[in-house]
Amino acid sequence: MYRKSIIRIHTIVGTFFLGILFNAIHVLNAAEITSRENKRAILEALIQYVIQPPPDRFRIVAEVQVDDPAWSETQILEEVKRQEDFMRAVEQYSNQAAKLKLREFRIQALRKEKSGTKILMLQESRLFQLWMLDQTDMSLPNAGLLAKRGIAYDRSHANLHDSGVGEWQSYLVNHSLQSATVDARPSKKWERNDLWQAGVIEPQAALLLMSLVIATNSRSAFFGLNTSFSGAIVDPVRLDALAADQSKDLVATVNEEPFEGMPHIHIQLMERSYSQAQKRKVSYWLDKGTMKRLSKIEISDPNNKTHYTSIRQNYDNQNFPWIWRTETTDGKTRVSRRYTFKDVDIKGLTVSTQQFLPIFPTNYMVWGIRASGKPFPIQNPGNHKISNITLGGQLPSRWRWMHLVAVLVVLGLPVVWWLIRARQTQIVKEDSAL
């Protein structure tokens, strides 16, 4: 009887502890599934930052403090020679005195520009295929003189590719030199600043993540130097593997970590490699409250001995940061940028086609470059000679009248010839009758 009671007690106790064990296993499995789902959702929120398309139209004004290593005198002279070689075809018609003056201007401008620290005022605008960047280097002595003349920016360059505003594909205007060059070559394209990327993840900070999760059939279209991942398709299987810590290439960790006293989600991606010293790492600090504001990015690349930091602050109600700081170091040099945004029209309500047209003052020297690459003068203030080339979609008024007269003359020549021939035939008939 006693033995049966002991066995019954052991059975009850064993069943109780076995139930606790099974329940604990179930709770752990549920917690693991919940953690994996949360991790995937956080990674998806991060990817949305990367793949969102750029706005079709915008206008952004920013003051940029640039800190670069100062150039040596040798580097400056080499750059001047490169510019002279590039512009030789255009400047070959200038006299020797003008060439010497232009060379001295370039040397002095580069000494100021490459002195190490400078302040730039930038205005970047886009209207679908039209794009323009206006800029002024505030460290140059002519910045104040331009302001007195009512000119806001020292130079502007624009891309007009397939925009329907004329044959020109791009142009550059320098208000200090009172000169402009319009280019008909389809391959000519100015590099954009992409100030709108302050509101997303810059491409170099997304390479490690997107190299793993982007779909195989769309990989070739998105990878390259500073490639935009806008519109990329994510492979859900690869994303699941990363969230479940089953990826062979990357390890993703997600945890809560404050940044500047505010709750943030810290996401770290690290390569799986044989050497701890060779692993590339990317860290993101995402605002926990909105999950739409990225406060900090760090990239560590031991192979190239580089470290990159990006910090965004002062977000507005459109989730755009009004302060953006970046810094890149390689152990020897340090390059930093501080963007302080002055005006952000992310919907492009203040942008119109008119501001992109290549229309220049009459006292500017204007050169054109044909699709073949051959330069030719369009406007020369010295003799006020203007070529019959459409600028800004229409000719100057006096040339429009001359163009109209020429067209009427050409169209009238066949009529005049027919009248003359008819009169000659009538005279021949009258002579025959006599």
Protein backbone atom coordinates (compact mmCIF):
# COMPACT_ATOMS: atom_id res chain seq x y z
CA MET A 1 0.00 0.00 0.00
CA TYR A 2 2.82 2.31 0.96
CA ARG A 3 4.71 1.47 -2.28
CA LYS A 4 1.62 2.23 -4.41
CA SER A 5 1.26 5.64 -2.74
CA ILE A 6 4.91 6.46 -3.43
CA ILE A 7 4.53 5.45 -7.09
CA ARG A 8 1.36 7.55 -7.41
CA ILE A 9 3.13 10.59 -5.90
CA HIS A 10 6.13 10.14 -8.26
CA THR A 11 3.75 9.89 -11.22
CA ILE A 12 1.89 13.09 -10.25
CA VAL A 13 5.13 15.02 -9.62
CA GLY A 14 6.68 13.72 -12.86
CA THR A 15 3.62 14.69 -14.86
CA PHE A 16 3.64 18.15 -13.25
CA PHE A 17 7.29 18.84 -14.08
CA LEU A 18 6.92 17.34 -17.56
CA GLY A 19 4.02 19.73 -18.18
CA ILE A 20 6.16 22.65 -17.01
CA LEU A 21 8.97 21.54 -19.35
CA PHE A 22 6.66 21.23 -22.37
CA ASN A 23 5.09 24.61 -21.56
CA ALA A 24 8.54 26.21 -21.27
CA ILE A 25 9.54 24.76 -24.64
CA HIS A 26 6.32 26.08 -26.18
CA VAL A 27 6.91 29.55 -24.69
CA LEU A 28 10.50 29.61 -25.95
CA ASN A 29 9.41 28.57 -29.43
CA ALA A 30 6.67 31.20 -29.45
CA ALA A 31 9.14 33.85 -28.23
CA GLU A 32 11.60 32.81 -30.95
CA ILE A 33 8.88 33.08 -33.62
CA THR A 34 7.76 36.47 -32.26
CA SER A 35 11.36 37.71 -32.13
CA ARG A 36 11.98 36.50 -35.69
CA GLU A 37 8.80 38.21 -36.94
CA ASN A 38 9.73 41.47 -35.19
CA LYS A 39 13.24 41.26 -36.61
CA ARG A 40 11.89 40.74 -40.11
CA ALA A 41 9.47 43.66 -39.74
CA ILE A 42 12.32 45.93 -38.61
CA LEU A 43 14.52 44.83 -41.52
CA GLU A 44 11.61 45.46 -43.90
CA ALA A 45 11.21 49.00 -42.49
CA LEU A 46 14.92 49.57 -43.09
CA ILE A 47 14.69 48.27 -46.67
CA GLN A 48 11.78 50.63 -47.40
CA TYR A 49 14.19 53.46 -46.64
CA VAL A 50 16.47 52.13 -49.38
CA ILE A 51 14.12 51.28 -52.24
CA GLN A 52 11.77 54.26 -52.22
CA PRO A 53 11.98 56.20 -55.50
CA PRO A 54 13.34 59.75 -55.71
CA PRO A 55 10.74 62.52 -55.99
CA ASP A 56 9.81 63.41 -59.58
CA ARG A 57 10.03 67.11 -58.73
CA PHE A 58 11.71 68.99 -55.90
CA ARG A 59 13.72 72.06 -54.99
CA ILE A 60 16.17 71.94 -52.08
CA VAL A 61 18.43 74.74 -50.83
CA ALA A 62 21.30 73.91 -48.48
CA GLU A 63 24.39 75.45 -46.94
CA VAL A 64 27.20 72.90 -46.99
CA GLN A 65 30.38 73.09 -44.93
CA VAL A 66 33.05 71.03 -46.65
CA ASP A 67 36.23 69.91 -44.88
CA ASP A 68 38.69 68.23 -47.25
CA PRO A 69 42.47 67.77 -47.22
CA ALA A 70 44.09 70.89 -48.71
CA TRP A 71 45.66 70.57 -52.17
CA SER A 72 49.34 71.14 -52.85
CA GLU A 73 50.49 73.71 -55.43
CA THR A 74 51.47 70.84 -57.75
CA GLN A 75 47.95 69.39 -57.60
CA ILE A 76 46.47 72.82 -58.36
CA LEU A 77 48.67 73.35 -61.43
CA GLU A 78 47.87 69.83 -62.69
CA GLU A 79 44.14 70.55 -62.37
CA VAL A 80 44.54 73.87 -64.23
CA LYS A 81 46.31 72.04 -67.07
CA ARG A 82 43.53 69.44 -67.17
CA GLN A 83 40.88 72.19 -67.43
CA GLU A 84 42.85 73.98 -70.16
CA ASP A 85 43.19 70.75 -72.16
CA PHE A 86 39.48 70.06 -71.78
CA MET A 87 38.49 73.56 -72.93
CA ARG A 88 41.20 73.96 -75.59
CA ALA A 89 38.80 73.57 -78.52
CA VAL A 90 36.55 76.32 -77.15
CA GLU A 91 39.25 78.72 -75.94
CA GLN A 92 41.50 78.49 -79.01
CA TYR A 93 39.88 81.64 -80.45
CA SER A 94 40.86 83.77 -77.41
CA ASN A 95 43.94 86.01 -77.63
CA GLN A 96 47.04 85.39 -75.51
CA ALA A 97 46.21 88.08 -72.94
CA ALA A 98 42.75 86.61 -72.35
CA LYS A 99 44.24 83.13 -71.97
CA LEU A 100 46.76 84.33 -69.35
CA LYS A 101 44.01 86.15 -67.45
CA LEU A 102 41.81 83.05 -67.50
CA ARG A 103 44.71 80.86 -66.32
CA GLU A 104 45.42 83.17 -63.37
CA PHE A 105 41.72 83.21 -62.49
CA ARG A 106 41.65 79.40 -62.45
CA ILE A 107 44.76 79.17 -60.27
CA GLN A 108 43.41 81.64 -57.71
CA ALA A 109 39.96 79.99 -57.71
CA LEU A 110 41.47 76.53 -57.12
CA ARG A 111 43.69 77.83 -54.32
CA LYS A 112 40.59 79.09 -52.56
CA GLU A 113 38.44 76.09 -53.44
CA LYS A 114 41.01 73.48 -52.38
CA SER A 115 42.26 75.28 -49.27
CA GLY A 116 40.68 72.66 -46.98
CA THR A 117 37.51 74.25 -45.62
CA LYS A 118 34.81 76.04 -47.58
CA ILE A 119 31.14 76.95 -47.42
CA LEU A 120 28.91 76.20 -50.40
CA MET A 121 25.40 77.43 -51.06
CA LEU A 122 23.56 74.87 -53.18
CA GLN A 123 20.18 74.82 -54.85
CA GLU A 124 19.20 71.57 -56.52
CA SER A 125 16.00 71.34 -58.59
CA ARG A 126 14.30 68.58 -60.52
CA LEU A 127 11.23 68.52 -62.74
CA PHE A 128 10.90 64.98 -64.11
CA GLN A 129 13.76 64.70 -66.67
CA LEU A 130 14.97 68.27 -66.11
CA TRP A 131 17.66 68.73 -63.46
CA MET A 132 19.74 71.72 -62.32
CA LEU A 133 22.30 72.53 -59.64
CA ASP A 134 23.09 76.15 -58.73
CA GLN A 135 26.06 76.76 -56.45
CA THR A 136 28.20 79.49 -54.94
CA ASP A 137 31.49 79.01 -53.11
CA MET A 138 31.19 81.55 -50.28
CA SER A 139 34.95 81.43 -49.67
CA LEU A 140 35.67 82.99 -53.09
CA PRO A 141 36.07 86.79 -53.23
CA ASN A 142 33.53 87.19 -56.06
CA ALA A 143 30.62 85.83 -53.96
CA GLY A 144 29.86 89.28 -52.52
CA LEU A 145 30.21 91.01 -55.91
CA LEU A 146 27.71 88.62 -57.48
CA ALA A 147 25.21 89.35 -54.73
CA LYS A 148 25.48 93.10 -55.47
CA ARG A 149 24.66 92.33 -59.11
CA GLY A 150 21.55 90.46 -58.00
CA ILE A 151 22.97 87.04 -58.90
CA ALA A 152 22.27 84.42 -56.25
CA TYR A 153 24.67 81.72 -57.46
CA ASP A 154 28.12 81.73 -59.05
CA ARG A 155 27.49 78.91 -61.52
CA SER A 156 24.75 76.58 -62.70
CA HIS A 157 24.73 73.37 -64.66
CA ALA A 158 21.73 71.48 -65.94
CA ASN A 159 20.72 68.23 -67.65
CA LEU A 160 17.96 68.53 -70.25
CA HIS A 161 18.01 65.03 -71.74
CA ASP A 162 14.98 64.17 -73.88
CA SER A 163 12.98 66.92 -72.22
CA GLY A 164 11.53 68.50 -75.36
CA VAL A 165 12.96 72.00 -74.75
CA GLY A 166 15.25 71.94 -77.78
CA GLU A 167 18.26 70.17 -79.23
CA TRP A 168 20.46 70.86 -76.19
CA GLN A 169 21.19 68.05 -73.76
CA SER A 170 23.01 70.01 -71.04
CA TYR A 171 24.65 73.34 -70.29
CA LEU A 172 26.99 75.16 -67.90
CA VAL A 173 26.93 78.87 -67.08
CA ASN A 174 29.63 80.69 -65.08
CA HIS A 175 28.42 84.11 -63.91
CA SER A 176 31.88 85.16 -62.69
CA LEU A 177 33.34 84.68 -66.17
CA GLN A 178 30.09 85.78 -67.88
CA SER A 179 30.24 82.73 -70.11
CA ALA A 180 28.14 79.70 -70.91
CA THR A 181 28.44 76.46 -72.86
CA VAL A 182 25.47 74.54 -74.25
CA ASP A 183 26.03 70.93 -75.29
CA ALA A 184 24.10 68.83 -77.83
CA ARG A 185 25.95 65.59 -77.11
CA PRO A 186 23.50 62.98 -75.71
CA SER A 187 26.28 61.38 -73.64
CA LYS A 188 27.05 64.61 -71.77
CA LYS A 189 25.53 64.48 -68.30
CA TRP A 190 26.45 66.44 -65.19
CA GLU A 191 26.83 64.55 -61.92
CA ARG A 192 23.96 65.21 -59.54
CA ASN A 193 24.29 66.04 -55.84
CA ASP A 194 21.09 64.18 -54.89
CA LEU A 195 20.33 66.30 -51.82
CA TRP A 196 17.01 64.45 -51.51
CA GLN A 197 18.99 61.42 -50.25
CA ALA A 198 19.15 63.12 -46.85
CA GLY A 199 15.63 61.73 -46.39
CA VAL A 200 16.58 58.12 -47.27
CA ILE A 201 19.63 55.84 -46.92
CA GLU A 202 22.58 56.84 -49.08
CA PRO A 203 23.46 54.00 -51.53
CA GLN A 204 26.92 53.25 -50.09
CA ALA A 205 25.28 52.56 -46.72
CA ALA A 206 22.87 50.03 -48.27
CA LEU A 207 25.28 47.95 -50.36
CA LEU A 208 25.88 45.26 -47.73
CA LEU A 209 22.17 44.79 -46.98
CA MET A 210 20.93 44.91 -50.57
CA SER A 211 23.69 42.61 -51.86
CA LEU A 212 22.02 39.86 -49.82
CA VAL A 213 18.27 40.48 -50.02
CA ILE A 214 17.80 41.82 -53.56
CA ALA A 215 16.16 39.38 -55.97
CA THR A 216 18.54 37.48 -58.28
CA ASN A 217 16.77 38.47 -61.51
CA SER A 218 17.22 42.19 -60.79
CA ARG A 219 20.71 42.24 -59.28
CA SER A 220 22.63 43.32 -62.41
CA ALA A 221 20.52 46.46 -62.82
CA PHE A 222 21.27 47.87 -59.38
CA PHE A 223 24.88 47.20 -58.47
CA GLY A 224 27.70 49.61 -59.19
CA LEU A 225 29.40 52.61 -57.64
CA ASN A 226 26.85 54.68 -55.70
CA THR A 227 23.99 52.86 -57.42
CA SER A 228 20.48 53.83 -56.40
CA PHE A 229 18.35 50.88 -55.27
CA SER A 230 15.11 52.69 -56.03
CA GLY A 231 12.50 50.18 -57.18
CA ALA A 232 14.57 47.10 -56.33
CA ILE A 233 12.68 43.82 -55.72
CA VAL A 234 13.46 42.02 -52.45
CA ASP A 235 13.67 38.23 -52.32
CA PRO A 236 11.42 37.16 -49.37
CA VAL A 237 13.32 33.86 -48.92
CA ARG A 238 16.63 35.70 -48.50
CA LEU A 239 15.00 38.16 -46.09
CA ASP A 240 13.52 35.31 -44.02
CA ALA A 241 16.92 33.63 -43.83
CA LEU A 242 18.54 36.85 -42.61
CA ALA A 243 15.83 37.37 -39.97
CA ALA A 244 16.12 33.73 -38.78
CA ASP A 245 19.94 33.97 -38.56
CA GLN A 246 20.28 31.32 -41.28
CA SER A 247 22.07 33.45 -43.87
CA LYS A 248 25.46 32.18 -44.97
CA ASP A 249 26.73 35.68 -45.72
CA LEU A 250 25.41 38.08 -43.06
CA VAL A 251 24.56 38.16 -39.38
CA ALA A 252 21.81 40.59 -38.37
CA THR A 253 21.30 41.66 -34.76
CA VAL A 254 18.45 43.89 -33.57
CA ASN A 255 18.12 45.45 -30.13
CA GLU A 256 16.98 48.61 -28.40
CA GLU A 257 19.67 51.24 -27.83
CA PRO A 258 19.16 54.95 -27.08
CA PHE A 259 20.68 57.62 -29.31
CA GLU A 260 21.01 61.16 -27.98
CA GLY A 261 18.66 60.23 -25.14
CA MET A 262 15.82 58.98 -27.37
CA PRO A 263 14.71 55.31 -27.77
CA HIS A 264 16.04 53.77 -30.99
CA ILE A 265 16.26 50.38 -32.67
CA HIS A 266 19.90 49.46 -33.31
CA ILE A 267 20.33 47.20 -36.36
CA GLN A 268 23.76 45.76 -37.10
CA LEU A 269 24.75 43.77 -40.16
CA MET A 270 28.07 41.93 -40.11
CA GLU A 271 29.73 39.68 -42.65
CA ARG A 272 30.33 36.03 -41.85
CA SER A 273 34.02 35.59 -42.61
CA TYR A 274 36.91 33.52 -41.33
CA SER A 275 38.76 36.49 -39.87
CA GLN A 276 37.18 38.76 -37.28
CA ALA A 277 39.51 41.56 -38.40
CA GLN A 278 38.18 41.45 -41.99
CA LYS A 279 34.46 41.61 -41.28
CA ARG A 280 32.60 44.59 -42.71
CA LYS A 281 29.94 46.01 -40.42
CA VAL A 282 27.06 48.41 -40.96
CA SER A 283 24.99 49.81 -38.08
CA TYR A 284 21.74 51.76 -38.25
CA TRP A 285 19.91 53.64 -35.49
CA LEU A 286 16.21 53.83 -36.39
CA ASP A 287 13.79 55.98 -34.35
CA LYS A 288 11.60 53.57 -32.37
CA GLY A 289 8.58 55.87 -32.19
CA THR A 290 8.12 56.50 -35.93
CA MET A 291 10.22 53.72 -37.52
CA LYS A 292 10.64 56.25 -40.36
CA ARG A 293 13.51 58.40 -39.11
CA LEU A 294 17.08 57.21 -39.43
CA SER A 295 19.30 59.03 -36.92
CA LYS A 296 22.72 57.46 -37.44
CA ILE A 297 24.64 55.14 -39.77
CA GLU A 298 28.13 53.69 -39.25
CA ILE A 299 30.10 51.67 -41.81
CA SER A 300 33.34 49.94 -40.89
CA ASP A 301 35.46 48.39 -43.65
CA PRO A 302 38.71 46.88 -42.24
CA ASN A 303 39.87 45.73 -45.70
CA ASN A 304 40.00 49.31 -47.03
CA LYS A 305 40.69 50.78 -43.57
CA THR A 306 37.79 53.20 -43.92
CA HIS A 307 35.10 54.32 -41.49
CA TYR A 308 31.98 56.25 -42.48
CA THR A 309 29.53 58.02 -40.17
CA SER A 310 26.25 59.68 -41.13
CA ILE A 311 24.03 61.58 -38.65
CA ARG A 312 20.60 63.11 -39.36
CA GLN A 313 18.87 65.56 -37.03
CA ASN A 314 15.94 68.01 -36.80
CA TYR A 315 13.34 66.00 -38.71
CA ASP A 316 10.20 67.82 -39.91
CA ASN A 317 6.65 66.46 -40.23
CA GLN A 318 7.54 65.06 -43.69
CA ASN A 319 10.33 62.99 -42.09
CA PHE A 320 13.06 65.06 -43.75
CA PRO A 321 16.13 65.99 -41.63
CA TRP A 322 17.21 69.64 -41.76
CA ILE A 323 20.73 68.81 -40.58
CA TRP A 324 22.81 66.03 -42.15
CA ARG A 325 26.46 65.34 -41.23
CA THR A 326 28.78 62.83 -42.88
CA GLU A 327 32.40 61.94 -42.18
CA THR A 328 34.78 59.53 -43.91
CA THR A 329 38.22 58.59 -42.57
CA ASP A 330 40.87 56.18 -43.84
CA GLY A 331 43.42 56.51 -41.06
CA LYS A 332 45.29 59.32 -42.84
CA THR A 333 42.73 61.77 -44.15
CA ARG A 334 39.34 62.98 -42.98
CA VAL A 335 36.57 64.25 -45.25
CA SER A 336 33.41 65.69 -43.74
CA ARG A 337 30.23 67.42 -44.90
CA ARG A 338 27.64 69.30 -42.86
CA TYR A 339 24.38 70.06 -44.70
CA THR A 340 22.14 72.69 -43.15
CA PHE A 341 18.97 72.82 -45.22
CA LYS A 342 17.43 76.27 -45.73
CA ASP A 343 14.43 75.45 -47.93
CA VAL A 344 12.96 72.03 -48.71
CA ASP A 345 10.19 71.78 -51.32
CA ILE A 346 10.06 68.01 -51.62
CA LYS A 347 6.87 68.19 -53.73
CA GLY A 348 8.33 70.66 -56.24
CA LEU A 349 5.53 73.21 -55.97
CA THR A 350 8.01 76.04 -56.64
CA VAL A 351 9.62 74.40 -59.70
CA SER A 352 8.72 75.35 -63.29
CA THR A 353 10.10 74.53 -66.74
CA GLN A 354 11.16 78.14 -67.32
CA GLN A 355 14.00 78.03 -64.79
CA PHE A 356 15.73 75.17 -66.67
CA LEU A 357 15.81 76.85 -70.09
CA PRO A 358 19.27 77.89 -71.42
CA ILE A 359 18.63 81.65 -71.58
CA PHE A 360 21.64 83.90 -70.91
CA PRO A 361 22.27 87.69 -70.71
CA THR A 362 23.34 89.36 -73.96
CA ASN A 363 26.74 90.32 -72.50
CA TYR A 364 27.69 86.65 -71.93
CA MET A 365 29.98 84.72 -74.25
CA VAL A 366 28.03 81.61 -75.29
CA TRP A 367 29.56 78.58 -76.97
CA GLY A 368 27.76 75.58 -78.40
CA ILE A 369 29.04 72.03 -78.81
CA ARG A 370 27.40 70.02 -81.57
CA ALA A 371 26.45 66.34 -81.26
CA SER A 372 29.68 65.54 -83.12
CA GLY A 373 31.70 67.32 -80.41
CA LYS A 374 32.66 70.31 -82.57
CA PRO A 375 32.46 73.70 -80.74
CA PHE A 376 31.15 76.88 -82.38
CA PRO A 377 30.32 80.41 -81.12
CA ILE A 378 26.66 81.26 -80.58
CA GLN A 379 26.86 84.65 -78.89
CA ASN A 380 29.86 86.98 -78.83
CA PRO A 381 29.42 90.29 -76.97
CA GLY A 382 32.44 91.70 -78.79
CA ASN A 383 30.69 91.90 -82.18
CA HIS A 384 27.12 91.07 -81.06
CA LYS A 385 27.03 88.26 -83.57
CA ILE A 386 24.46 85.60 -82.74
CA SER A 387 24.16 82.31 -84.56
CA ASN A 388 20.80 81.02 -85.79
CA ILE A 389 20.66 78.47 -82.97
CA THR A 390 17.62 78.09 -80.75
CA LEU A 391 18.35 78.91 -77.10
CA GLY A 392 15.68 78.42 -74.50
CA GLY A 393 13.15 77.19 -77.04
CA GLN A 394 13.05 80.37 -79.18
CA LEU A 395 15.27 82.84 -81.04
CA PRO A 396 15.79 86.47 -79.95
CA SER A 397 13.03 88.76 -81.35
CA ARG A 398 15.12 90.48 -84.07
CA TRP A 399 16.28 87.12 -85.36
CA ARG A 400 12.73 85.76 -85.36
CA TRP A 401 11.73 88.57 -87.83
CA MET A 402 14.76 87.85 -90.04
CA HIS A 403 13.94 84.16 -89.92
CA LEU A 404 10.34 84.90 -90.98
CA VAL A 405 11.47 87.10 -93.90
CA ALA A 406 13.90 84.41 -95.06
CA VAL A 407 11.14 81.79 -94.99
CA LEU A 408 8.78 84.05 -97.03
CA VAL A 409 11.51 84.71 -99.59
CA VAL A 410 12.26 81.01 -100.01
CA LEU A 411 8.57 80.14 -100.33
CA GLY A 412 7.99 82.99 -102.81
CA LEU A 413 10.81 82.08 -105.23
CA PRO A 414 8.84 79.31 -107.04
CA VAL A 415 5.88 81.69 -107.49
CA VAL A 416 8.12 84.42 -108.95
CA TRP A 417 9.80 81.88 -111.28
CA TRP A 418 6.37 80.64 -112.48
CA LEU A 419 5.18 84.22 -113.21
CA ILE A 420 8.34 84.94 -115.21
CA ARG A 421 7.98 81.75 -117.24
CA ALA A 422 4.29 82.49 -117.88
CA ARG A 423 5.14 86.01 -119.13
CA GLN A 424 7.88 84.64 -121.42
CA THR A 425 5.43 82.11 -122.92
CA GLN A 426 2.87 84.86 -123.55
CA ILE A 427 5.45 87.02 -125.33
CA VAL A 428 6.49 84.10 -127.57
CA LYS A 429 2.82 83.50 -128.55
CA GLU A 430 2.28 87.18 -129.38
CA ASP A 431 5.42 87.21 -131.60
CA SER A 432 4.23 84.09 -133.41
CA ALA A 433 0.83 85.68 -134.09
CA LEU A 434 2.49 88.66 -135.74
